Amino acid sequence: LRTSAPDVFAAGDIAAHDHPRYDGRVRVEHWANAKEQGTY
């Protein structure tokens, strides 16, 4: 969840995540994703 800028991260709806399990980036606008990414 690191962005292209040093020391800046993004989580939740706005994060286009380079997900290890999927091909390409994943951006999810759901409750569980916000909660889990925020905790992580």
ModelCIF file with pLDDT and N, C-alpha, C, O atoms, coordinates in Angstrom:
data_MODEL
#
_entry.id   MODEL 
#
_entity.id                         1 
_entity.type                       polymer 
_entity.pdbx_number_of_molecules   1 
#
_entity_poly.entity_id                      1 
_entity_poly.type                           'polypeptide(L)' 
_entity_poly.nstd_linkage                   no 
_entity_poly.nstd_monomer                   no 
_entity_poly.pdbx_seq_one_letter_code       LRTSAPDVFAAGDIAAHDHPRYDGRVRVEHWANAKEQGTY 
_entity_poly.pdbx_seq_one_letter_code_can   LRTSAPDVFAAGDIAAHDHPRYDGRVRVEHWANAKEQGTY 
_entity_poly.pdbx_strand_id                 A 
#
loop_
_entity_poly_seq.entity_id 
_entity_poly_seq.num 
_entity_poly_seq.mon_id 
_entity_poly_seq.hetero 
1 1  LEU n 
1 2  ARG n 
1 3  THR n 
1 4  SER n 
1 5  ALA n 
1 6  PRO n 
1 7  ASP n 
1 8  VAL n 
1 9  PHE n 
1 10 ALA n 
1 11 ALA n 
1 12 GLY n 
1 13 ASP n 
1 14 ILE n 
1 15 ALA n 
1 16 ALA n 
1 17 HIS n 
1 18 ASP n 
1 19 HIS n 
1 20 PRO n 
1 21 ARG n 
1 22 TYR n 
1 23 ASP n 
1 24 GLY n 
1 25 ARG n 
1 26 VAL n 
1 27 ARG n 
1 28 VAL n 
1 29 GLU n 
1 30 HIS n 
1 31 TRP n 
1 32 ALA n 
1 33 ASN n 
1 34 ALA n 
1 35 LYS n 
1 36 GLU n 
1 37 GLN n 
1 38 GLY n 
1 39 THR n 
1 40 TYR n 
#
_struct_asym.id          A 
_struct_asym.entity_id   1 
#
loop_
_ma_qa_metric.id 
_ma_qa_metric.mode 
_ma_qa_metric.name 
_ma_qa_metric.software_group_id 
_ma_qa_metric.type 
1 global pLDDT . pLDDT 
2 local  pLDDT . pLDDT 
#
_ma_qa_metric_global.metric_id      1 
_ma_qa_metric_global.metric_value   95.95 
_ma_qa_metric_global.model_id       1 
_ma_qa_metric_global.ordinal_id     1 
#
loop_
_ma_qa_metric_local.label_asym_id 
_ma_qa_metric_local.label_comp_id 
_ma_qa_metric_local.label_seq_id 
_ma_qa_metric_local.metric_id 
_ma_qa_metric_local.metric_value 
_ma_qa_metric_local.model_id 
_ma_qa_metric_local.ordinal_id 
A LEU 1  2 98.00 1 1  
A ARG 2  2 98.00 1 2  
A THR 3  2 98.00 1 3  
A SER 4  2 98.00 1 4  
A ALA 5  2 98.00 1 5  
A PRO 6  2 96.00 1 6  
A ASP 7  2 98.00 1 7  
A VAL 8  2 98.00 1 8  
A PHE 9  2 98.00 1 9  
A ALA 10 2 98.00 1 10 
A ALA 11 2 98.00 1 11 
A GLY 12 2 98.00 1 12 
A ASP 13 2 98.00 1 13 
A ILE 14 2 98.00 1 14 
A ALA 15 2 98.00 1 15 
A ALA 16 2 98.00 1 16 
A HIS 17 2 97.00 1 17 
A ASP 18 2 96.00 1 18 
A HIS 19 2 95.00 1 19 
A PRO 20 2 92.00 1 20 
A ARG 21 2 89.00 1 21 
A TYR 22 2 91.00 1 22 
A ASP 23 2 84.00 1 23 
A GLY 24 2 86.00 1 24 
A ARG 25 2 95.00 1 25 
A VAL 26 2 95.00 1 26 
A ARG 27 2 97.00 1 27 
A VAL 28 2 95.00 1 28 
A GLU 29 2 95.00 1 29 
A HIS 30 2 93.00 1 30 
A TRP 31 2 94.00 1 31 
A ALA 32 2 96.00 1 32 
A ASN 33 2 97.00 1 33 
A ALA 34 2 97.00 1 34 
A LYS 35 2 98.00 1 35 
A GLU 36 2 98.00 1 36 
A GLN 37 2 98.00 1 37 
A GLY 38 2 98.00 1 38 
A THR 39 2 98.00 1 39 
A TYR 40 2 98.00 1 40 
#
loop_
_atom_site.group_PDB 
_atom_site.id 
_atom_site.type_symbol 
_atom_site.label_atom_id 
_atom_site.label_alt_id 
_atom_site.label_comp_id 
_atom_site.label_asym_id 
_atom_site.label_entity_id 
_atom_site.label_seq_id 
_atom_site.pdbx_PDB_ins_code 
_atom_site.Cartn_x 
_atom_site.Cartn_y 
_atom_site.Cartn_z 
_atom_site.occupancy 
_atom_site.B_iso_or_equiv 
_atom_site.pdbx_formal_charge 
_atom_site.auth_seq_id 
_atom_site.auth_comp_id 
_atom_site.auth_asym_id 
_atom_site.auth_atom_id 
_atom_site.pdbx_PDB_model_num 
ATOM 1   N N  . LEU A 1 1  ? 0.804   -1.228  0.000   1.00 98.00 ? 1  LEU A N  1 
ATOM 2   C CA . LEU A 1 1  ? 0.000   0.000   0.000   1.00 98.00 ? 1  LEU A CA 1 
ATOM 3   C C  . LEU A 1 1  ? 0.834   1.274   0.000   1.00 98.00 ? 1  LEU A C  1 
ATOM 4   O O  . LEU A 1 1  ? 0.332   2.345   0.341   1.00 98.00 ? 1  LEU A O  1 
ATOM 5   N N  . ARG A 1 2  ? 2.105   1.163   -0.382  1.00 98.00 ? 2  ARG A N  1 
ATOM 6   C CA . ARG A 1 2  ? 2.932   2.362   -0.555  1.00 98.00 ? 2  ARG A CA 1 
ATOM 7   C C  . ARG A 1 2  ? 2.621   3.012   -1.897  1.00 98.00 ? 2  ARG A C  1 
ATOM 8   O O  . ARG A 1 2  ? 2.444   2.324   -2.902  1.00 98.00 ? 2  ARG A O  1 
ATOM 9   N N  . THR A 1 3  ? 2.556   4.336   -1.907  1.00 98.00 ? 3  THR A N  1 
ATOM 10  C CA . THR A 1 3  ? 2.352   5.079   -3.144  1.00 98.00 ? 3  THR A CA 1 
ATOM 11  C C  . THR A 1 3  ? 3.702   5.362   -3.798  1.00 98.00 ? 3  THR A C  1 
ATOM 12  O O  . THR A 1 3  ? 4.739   4.877   -3.346  1.00 98.00 ? 3  THR A O  1 
ATOM 13  N N  . SER A 1 4  ? 3.673   6.156   -4.869  1.00 98.00 ? 4  SER A N  1 
ATOM 14  C CA . SER A 1 4  ? 4.907   6.505   -5.575  1.00 98.00 ? 4  SER A CA 1 
ATOM 15  C C  . SER A 1 4  ? 5.739   7.551   -4.834  1.00 98.00 ? 4  SER A C  1 
ATOM 16  O O  . SER A 1 4  ? 6.887   7.798   -5.204  1.00 98.00 ? 4  SER A O  1 
ATOM 17  N N  . ALA A 1 5  ? 5.177   8.164   -3.799  1.00 98.00 ? 5  ALA A N  1 
ATOM 18  C CA . ALA A 1 5  ? 5.906   9.183   -3.027  1.00 98.00 ? 5  ALA A CA 1 
ATOM 19  C C  . ALA A 1 5  ? 6.485   8.564   -1.760  1.00 98.00 ? 5  ALA A C  1 
ATOM 20  O O  . ALA A 1 5  ? 5.831   7.732   -1.131  1.00 98.00 ? 5  ALA A O  1 
ATOM 21  N N  . PRO A 1 6  ? 7.682   8.947   -1.380  1.00 96.00 ? 6  PRO A N  1 
ATOM 22  C CA . PRO A 1 6  ? 8.278   8.394   -0.161  1.00 96.00 ? 6  PRO A CA 1 
ATOM 23  C C  . PRO A 1 6  ? 7.413   8.669   1.067   1.00 96.00 ? 6  PRO A C  1 
ATOM 24  O O  . PRO A 1 6  ? 6.950   9.789   1.280   1.00 96.00 ? 6  PRO A O  1 
ATOM 25  N N  . ASP A 1 7  ? 7.205   7.627   1.868   1.00 98.00 ? 7  ASP A N  1 
ATOM 26  C CA . ASP A 1 7  ? 6.524   7.742   3.161   1.00 98.00 ? 7  ASP A CA 1 
ATOM 27  C C  . ASP A 1 7  ? 5.043   8.078   3.049   1.00 98.00 ? 7  ASP A C  1 
ATOM 28  O O  . ASP A 1 7  ? 4.427   8.490   4.032   1.00 98.00 ? 7  ASP A O  1 
ATOM 29  N N  . VAL A 1 8  ? 4.463   7.905   1.858   1.00 98.00 ? 8  VAL A N  1 
ATOM 30  C CA . VAL A 1 8  ? 3.033   8.156   1.664   1.00 98.00 ? 8  VAL A CA 1 
ATOM 31  C C  . VAL A 1 8  ? 2.355   6.841   1.279   1.00 98.00 ? 8  VAL A C  1 
ATOM 32  O O  . VAL A 1 8  ? 2.806   6.146   0.368   1.00 98.00 ? 8  VAL A O  1 
ATOM 33  N N  . PHE A 1 9  ? 1.272   6.508   1.977   1.00 98.00 ? 9  PHE A N  1 
ATOM 34  C CA . PHE A 1 9  ? 0.525   5.277   1.760   1.00 98.00 ? 9  PHE A CA 1 
ATOM 35  C C  . PHE A 1 9  ? -0.925  5.634   1.419   1.00 98.00 ? 9  PHE A C  1 
ATOM 36  O O  . PHE A 1 9  ? -1.375  6.750   1.679   1.00 98.00 ? 9  PHE A O  1 
ATOM 37  N N  . ALA A 1 10 ? -1.642  4.684   0.840   1.00 98.00 ? 10 ALA A N  1 
ATOM 38  C CA . ALA A 1 10 ? -3.069  4.879   0.549   1.00 98.00 ? 10 ALA A CA 1 
ATOM 39  C C  . ALA A 1 10 ? -3.809  3.589   0.844   1.00 98.00 ? 10 ALA A C  1 
ATOM 40  O O  . ALA A 1 10 ? -3.293  2.496   0.614   1.00 98.00 ? 10 ALA A O  1 
ATOM 41  N N  . ALA A 1 11 ? -5.034  3.728   1.358   1.00 98.00 ? 11 ALA A N  1 
ATOM 42  C CA . ALA A 1 11 ? -5.834  2.560   1.712   1.00 98.00 ? 11 ALA A CA 1 
ATOM 43  C C  . ALA A 1 11 ? -7.304  2.841   1.453   1.00 98.00 ? 11 ALA A C  1 
ATOM 44  O O  . ALA A 1 11 ? -7.727  3.994   1.372   1.00 98.00 ? 11 ALA A O  1 
ATOM 45  N N  . GLY A 1 12 ? -8.078  1.761   1.323   1.00 98.00 ? 12 GLY A N  1 
ATOM 46  C CA . GLY A 1 12 ? -9.512  1.889   1.138   1.00 98.00 ? 12 GLY A CA 1 
ATOM 47  C C  . GLY A 1 12 ? -9.900  2.128   -0.302  1.00 98.00 ? 12 GLY A C  1 
ATOM 48  O O  . GLY A 1 12 ? -9.238  1.640   -1.219  1.00 98.00 ? 12 GLY A O  1 
ATOM 49  N N  . ASP A 1 13 ? -10.973 2.877   -0.509  1.00 98.00 ? 13 ASP A N  1 
ATOM 50  C CA . ASP A 1 13 ? -11.566 3.060   -1.838  1.00 98.00 ? 13 ASP A CA 1 
ATOM 51  C C  . ASP A 1 13 ? -10.586 3.585   -2.873  1.00 98.00 ? 13 ASP A C  1 
ATOM 52  O O  . ASP A 1 13 ? -10.681 3.227   -4.047  1.00 98.00 ? 13 ASP A O  1 
ATOM 53  N N  . ILE A 1 14 ? -9.653  4.421   -2.465  1.00 98.00 ? 14 ILE A N  1 
ATOM 54  C CA . ILE A 1 14 ? -8.788  5.084   -3.446  1.00 98.00 ? 14 ILE A CA 1 
ATOM 55  C C  . ILE A 1 14 ? -7.596  4.233   -3.859  1.00 98.00 ? 14 ILE A C  1 
ATOM 56  O O  . ILE A 1 14 ? -6.929  4.567   -4.838  1.00 98.00 ? 14 ILE A O  1 
ATOM 57  N N  . ALA A 1 15 ? -7.303  3.148   -3.150  1.00 98.00 ? 15 ALA A N  1 
ATOM 58  C CA . ALA A 1 15 ? -6.072  2.396   -3.373  1.00 98.00 ? 15 ALA A CA 1 
ATOM 59  C C  . ALA A 1 15 ? -6.219  1.419   -4.534  1.00 98.00 ? 15 ALA A C  1 
ATOM 60  O O  . ALA A 1 15 ? -7.005  0.475   -4.460  1.00 98.00 ? 15 ALA A O  1 
ATOM 61  N N  . ALA A 1 16 ? -5.465  1.645   -5.602  1.00 98.00 ? 16 ALA A N  1 
ATOM 62  C CA . ALA A 1 16 ? -5.370  0.691   -6.715  1.00 98.00 ? 16 ALA A CA 1 
ATOM 63  C C  . ALA A 1 16 ? -4.168  -0.195  -6.414  1.00 98.00 ? 16 ALA A C  1 
ATOM 64  O O  . ALA A 1 16 ? -3.025  0.163   -6.696  1.00 98.00 ? 16 ALA A O  1 
ATOM 65  N N  . HIS A 1 17 ? -4.447  -1.339  -5.846  1.00 97.00 ? 17 HIS A N  1 
ATOM 66  C CA . HIS A 1 17 ? -3.476  -2.171  -5.149  1.00 97.00 ? 17 HIS A CA 1 
ATOM 67  C C  . HIS A 1 17 ? -2.871  -3.215  -6.083  1.00 97.00 ? 17 HIS A C  1 
ATOM 68  O O  . HIS A 1 17 ? -3.593  -3.936  -6.770  1.00 97.00 ? 17 HIS A O  1 
ATOM 69  N N  . ASP A 1 18 ? -1.564  -3.288  -6.103  1.00 96.00 ? 18 ASP A N  1 
ATOM 70  C CA . ASP A 1 18 ? -0.854  -4.326  -6.852  1.00 96.00 ? 18 ASP A CA 1 
ATOM 71  C C  . ASP A 1 18 ? -0.954  -5.622  -6.052  1.00 96.00 ? 18 ASP A C  1 
ATOM 72  O O  . ASP A 1 18 ? -0.043  -5.986  -5.309  1.00 96.00 ? 18 ASP A O  1 
ATOM 73  N N  . HIS A 1 19 ? -2.080  -6.303  -6.223  1.00 95.00 ? 19 HIS A N  1 
ATOM 74  C CA . HIS A 1 19 ? -2.443  -7.446  -5.372  1.00 95.00 ? 19 HIS A CA 1 
ATOM 75  C C  . HIS A 1 19 ? -1.674  -8.693  -5.803  1.00 95.00 ? 19 HIS A C  1 
ATOM 76  O O  . HIS A 1 19 ? -1.720  -9.059  -6.977  1.00 95.00 ? 19 HIS A O  1 
ATOM 77  N N  . PRO A 1 20 ? -0.969  -9.352  -4.886  1.00 92.00 ? 20 PRO A N  1 
ATOM 78  C CA . PRO A 1 20 ? -0.183  -10.531 -5.260  1.00 92.00 ? 20 PRO A CA 1 
ATOM 79  C C  . PRO A 1 20 ? -1.022  -11.676 -5.808  1.00 92.00 ? 20 PRO A C  1 
ATOM 80  O O  . PRO A 1 20 ? -0.497  -12.540 -6.511  1.00 92.00 ? 20 PRO A O  1 
ATOM 81  N N  . ARG A 1 21 ? -2.322  -11.699 -5.498  1.00 89.00 ? 21 ARG A N  1 
ATOM 82  C CA . ARG A 1 21 ? -3.153  -12.836 -5.878  1.00 89.00 ? 21 ARG A CA 1 
ATOM 83  C C  . ARG A 1 21 ? -3.829  -12.661 -7.243  1.00 89.00 ? 21 ARG A C  1 
ATOM 84  O O  . ARG A 1 21 ? -4.362  -13.623 -7.796  1.00 89.00 ? 21 ARG A O  1 
ATOM 85  N N  . TYR A 1 22 ? -3.808  -11.457 -7.781  1.00 91.00 ? 22 TYR A N  1 
ATOM 86  C CA . TYR A 1 22 ? -4.548  -11.190 -9.006  1.00 91.00 ? 22 TYR A CA 1 
ATOM 87  C C  . TYR A 1 22 ? -3.648  -10.586 -10.073 1.00 91.00 ? 22 TYR A C  1 
ATOM 88  O O  . TYR A 1 22 ? -2.570  -10.065 -9.787  1.00 91.00 ? 22 TYR A O  1 
ATOM 89  N N  . ASP A 1 23 ? -4.120  -10.672 -11.306 1.00 84.00 ? 23 ASP A N  1 
ATOM 90  C CA . ASP A 1 23 ? -3.401  -10.060 -12.413 1.00 84.00 ? 23 ASP A CA 1 
ATOM 91  C C  . ASP A 1 23 ? -3.745  -8.577  -12.460 1.00 84.00 ? 23 ASP A C  1 
ATOM 92  O O  . ASP A 1 23 ? -4.910  -8.213  -12.617 1.00 84.00 ? 23 ASP A O  1 
ATOM 93  N N  . GLY A 1 24 ? -2.738  -7.725  -12.327 1.00 86.00 ? 24 GLY A N  1 
ATOM 94  C CA . GLY A 1 24 ? -2.983  -6.292  -12.377 1.00 86.00 ? 24 GLY A CA 1 
ATOM 95  C C  . GLY A 1 24 ? -3.438  -5.754  -11.037 1.00 86.00 ? 24 GLY A C  1 
ATOM 96  O O  . GLY A 1 24 ? -3.407  -6.446  -10.019 1.00 86.00 ? 24 GLY A O  1 
ATOM 97  N N  . ARG A 1 25 ? -3.861  -4.505  -11.062 1.00 95.00 ? 25 ARG A N  1 
ATOM 98  C CA . ARG A 1 25 ? -4.254  -3.820  -9.838  1.00 95.00 ? 25 ARG A CA 1 
ATOM 99  C C  . ARG A 1 25 ? -5.711  -4.090  -9.481  1.00 95.00 ? 25 ARG A C  1 
ATOM 100 O O  . ARG A 1 25 ? -6.541  -4.371  -10.346 1.00 95.00 ? 25 ARG A O  1 
ATOM 101 N N  . VAL A 1 26 ? -5.994  -3.998  -8.209  1.00 95.00 ? 26 VAL A N  1 
ATOM 102 C CA . VAL A 1 26 ? -7.341  -4.225  -7.687  1.00 95.00 ? 26 VAL A CA 1 
ATOM 103 C C  . VAL A 1 26 ? -7.737  -3.007  -6.863  1.00 95.00 ? 26 VAL A C  1 
ATOM 104 O O  . VAL A 1 26 ? -7.005  -2.595  -5.962  1.00 95.00 ? 26 VAL A O  1 
ATOM 105 N N  . ARG A 1 27 ? -8.892  -2.436  -7.170  1.00 97.00 ? 27 ARG A N  1 
ATOM 106 C CA . ARG A 1 27 ? -9.437  -1.340  -6.369  1.00 97.00 ? 27 ARG A CA 1 
ATOM 107 C C  . ARG A 1 27 ? -10.838 -1.728  -5.949  1.00 97.00 ? 27 ARG A C  1 
ATOM 108 O O  . ARG A 1 27 ? -11.688 -1.991  -6.799  1.00 97.00 ? 27 ARG A O  1 
ATOM 109 N N  . VAL A 1 28 ? -11.090 -1.768  -4.661  1.00 95.00 ? 28 VAL A N  1 
ATOM 110 C CA . VAL A 1 28 ? -12.344 -2.292  -4.119  1.00 95.00 ? 28 VAL A CA 1 
ATOM 111 C C  . VAL A 1 28 ? -13.014 -1.234  -3.258  1.00 95.00 ? 28 VAL A C  1 
ATOM 112 O O  . VAL A 1 28 ? -12.372 -0.635  -2.395  1.00 95.00 ? 28 VAL A O  1 
ATOM 113 N N  . GLU A 1 29 ? -14.304 -1.003  -3.488  1.00 95.00 ? 29 GLU A N  1 
ATOM 114 C CA . GLU A 1 29 ? -15.059 -0.001  -2.729  1.00 95.00 ? 29 GLU A CA 1 
ATOM 115 C C  . GLU A 1 29 ? -16.048 -0.692  -1.786  1.00 95.00 ? 29 GLU A C  1 
ATOM 116 O O  . GLU A 1 29 ? -17.257 -0.492  -1.894  1.00 95.00 ? 29 GLU A O  1 
ATOM 117 N N  . HIS A 1 30 ? -15.540 -1.486  -0.885  1.00 93.00 ? 30 HIS A N  1 
ATOM 118 C CA . HIS A 1 30 ? -16.417 -2.190  0.044   1.00 93.00 ? 30 HIS A CA 1 
ATOM 119 C C  . HIS A 1 30 ? -15.903 -2.061  1.468   1.00 93.00 ? 30 HIS A C  1 
ATOM 120 O O  . HIS A 1 30 ? -14.725 -1.805  1.719   1.00 93.00 ? 30 HIS A O  1 
ATOM 121 N N  . TRP A 1 31 ? -16.844 -2.249  2.391   1.00 94.00 ? 31 TRP A N  1 
ATOM 122 C CA . TRP A 1 31 ? -16.599 -2.104  3.820   1.00 94.00 ? 31 TRP A CA 1 
ATOM 123 C C  . TRP A 1 31 ? -15.420 -2.946  4.296   1.00 94.00 ? 31 TRP A C  1 
ATOM 124 O O  . TRP A 1 31 ? -14.537 -2.437  4.986   1.00 94.00 ? 31 TRP A O  1 
ATOM 125 N N  . ALA A 1 32 ? -15.396 -4.228  3.936   1.00 96.00 ? 32 ALA A N  1 
ATOM 126 C CA . ALA A 1 32 ? -14.356 -5.114  4.449   1.00 96.00 ? 32 ALA A CA 1 
ATOM 127 C C  . ALA A 1 32 ? -12.975 -4.683  3.966   1.00 96.00 ? 32 ALA A C  1 
ATOM 128 O O  . ALA A 1 32 ? -12.001 -4.760  4.715   1.00 96.00 ? 32 ALA A O  1 
ATOM 129 N N  . ASN A 1 33 ? -12.890 -4.233  2.724   1.00 97.00 ? 33 ASN A N  1 
ATOM 130 C CA . ASN A 1 33 ? -11.601 -3.804  2.197   1.00 97.00 ? 33 ASN A CA 1 
ATOM 131 C C  . ASN A 1 33 ? -11.068 -2.593  2.963   1.00 97.00 ? 33 ASN A C  1 
ATOM 132 O O  . ASN A 1 33 ? -9.883  -2.535  3.292   1.00 97.00 ? 33 ASN A O  1 
ATOM 133 N N  . ALA A 1 34 ? -11.942 -1.631  3.245   1.00 97.00 ? 34 ALA A N  1 
ATOM 134 C CA . ALA A 1 34 ? -11.517 -0.456  4.009   1.00 97.00 ? 34 ALA A CA 1 
ATOM 135 C C  . ALA A 1 34 ? -11.049 -0.857  5.406   1.00 97.00 ? 34 ALA A C  1 
ATOM 136 O O  . ALA A 1 34 ? -10.013 -0.389  5.878   1.00 97.00 ? 34 ALA A O  1 
ATOM 137 N N  . LYS A 1 35 ? -11.806 -1.714  6.055   1.00 98.00 ? 35 LYS A N  1 
ATOM 138 C CA . LYS A 1 35 ? -11.447 -2.135  7.411   1.00 98.00 ? 35 LYS A CA 1 
ATOM 139 C C  . LYS A 1 35 ? -10.144 -2.927  7.418   1.00 98.00 ? 35 LYS A C  1 
ATOM 140 O O  . LYS A 1 35 ? -9.248  -2.649  8.216   1.00 98.00 ? 35 LYS A O  1 
ATOM 141 N N  . GLU A 1 36 ? -10.040 -3.910  6.530   1.00 98.00 ? 36 GLU A N  1 
ATOM 142 C CA . GLU A 1 36 ? -8.863  -4.778  6.531   1.00 98.00 ? 36 GLU A CA 1 
ATOM 143 C C  . GLU A 1 36 ? -7.605  -4.022  6.098   1.00 98.00 ? 36 GLU A C  1 
ATOM 144 O O  . GLU A 1 36 ? -6.548  -4.181  6.708   1.00 98.00 ? 36 GLU A O  1 
ATOM 145 N N  . GLN A 1 37 ? -7.713  -3.204  5.052   1.00 98.00 ? 37 GLN A N  1 
ATOM 146 C CA . GLN A 1 37 ? -6.543  -2.444  4.626   1.00 98.00 ? 37 GLN A CA 1 
ATOM 147 C C  . GLN A 1 37 ? -6.139  -1.418  5.678   1.00 98.00 ? 37 GLN A C  1 
ATOM 148 O O  . GLN A 1 37 ? -4.951  -1.191  5.905   1.00 98.00 ? 37 GLN A O  1 
ATOM 149 N N  . GLY A 1 38 ? -7.123  -0.803  6.316   1.00 98.00 ? 38 GLY A N  1 
ATOM 150 C CA . GLY A 1 38 ? -6.796  0.160   7.361   1.00 98.00 ? 38 GLY A CA 1 
ATOM 151 C C  . GLY A 1 38 ? -6.042  -0.488  8.506   1.00 98.00 ? 38 GLY A C  1 
ATOM 152 O O  . GLY A 1 38 ? -5.048  0.056   8.988   1.00 98.00 ? 38 GLY A O  1 
ATOM 153 N N  . THR A 1 39 ? -6.512  -1.652  8.944   1.00 98.00 ? 39 THR A N  1 
ATOM 154 C CA . THR A 1 39 ? -5.832  -2.367  10.022  1.00 98.00 ? 39 THR A CA 1 
ATOM 155 C C  . THR A 1 39 ? -4.442  -2.816  9.578   1.00 98.00 ? 39 THR A C  1 
ATOM 156 O O  . THR A 1 39 ? -3.467  -2.685  10.318  1.00 98.00 ? 39 THR A O  1 
ATOM 157 N N  . TYR A 1 40 ? -4.369  -3.346  8.361   1.00 98.00 ? 40 TYR A N  1 
ATOM 158 C CA . TYR A 1 40 ? -3.101  -3.856  7.840   1.00 98.00 ? 40 TYR A CA 1 
ATOM 159 C C  . TYR A 1 40 ? -2.041  -2.767  7.701   1.00 98.00 ? 40 TYR A C  1 
ATOM 160 O O  . TYR A 1 40 ? -0.921  -3.047  7.275   1.00 98.00 ? 40 TYR A O  1 
#
